[in-house]
Amino acid sequence: MSAAAISSNLFEAARLGDPQAIARLLETAQPDIRRYARATCRNSADAEDAAQEALWILSRHVGAIRSLLAFSAWLFNVVRRECLRLARKAGLAPLIDESQAEAALLSRPEADLRLDVAAAFEALPLHYRDVALMRDVKEMTIDEIAEALGATRQTVKARLHRARALMREYLTR
């Protein structure tokens, strides 16, 4: 979800319980929620159920979200968890073939893929996100990252490996 589509004023008003702001927030977030649910859930019925549940949870818990920056990651995690819950309820294994998942990921429109990658970065714990951004976005070397963070090469490499694994999991579910 693009945090740019949601103003900080709208988000704060919704967080503070303004019913009109909550309604506008739900309306603004709905297309991205549905798109992500369709990409994450096993079938369209589950995707619709997951999207509706995510909207319901958002309307009830928007006040618990710490910041606009955490909003997208929080919301996409709600959708992903709901898709997994529905798959388990149906008796289906929640995991899909990795090659299928990667093919589906690469077949998405570039704009959607960019949003998904940004959401994946946002979903990372801070210590993994910093390393991944420094290496994959800023193109810093392992030694430069280690020096900037005051960590060892091994620590940086381990965090980078874990960050990429978490992002891969996030993007292929």
Foldseek 3Di string as FASTA:
>chain_A
DDLVLPDQVLLVCLLVPDPVSLVVVLVSCLVVQLVLLCLQADDNVLSVVLSVVLSVCCSVCSNVDDGSLLVLLVSSVSSNVSRQVVCVVVVHDSDDDLVVLVVSLVPDPPVSNVVLLSSLLSNDDPVLSLLQCCCVPVVDDLVVSCVVVVHDSVVSVVSPVVSVVSSSVSSSD
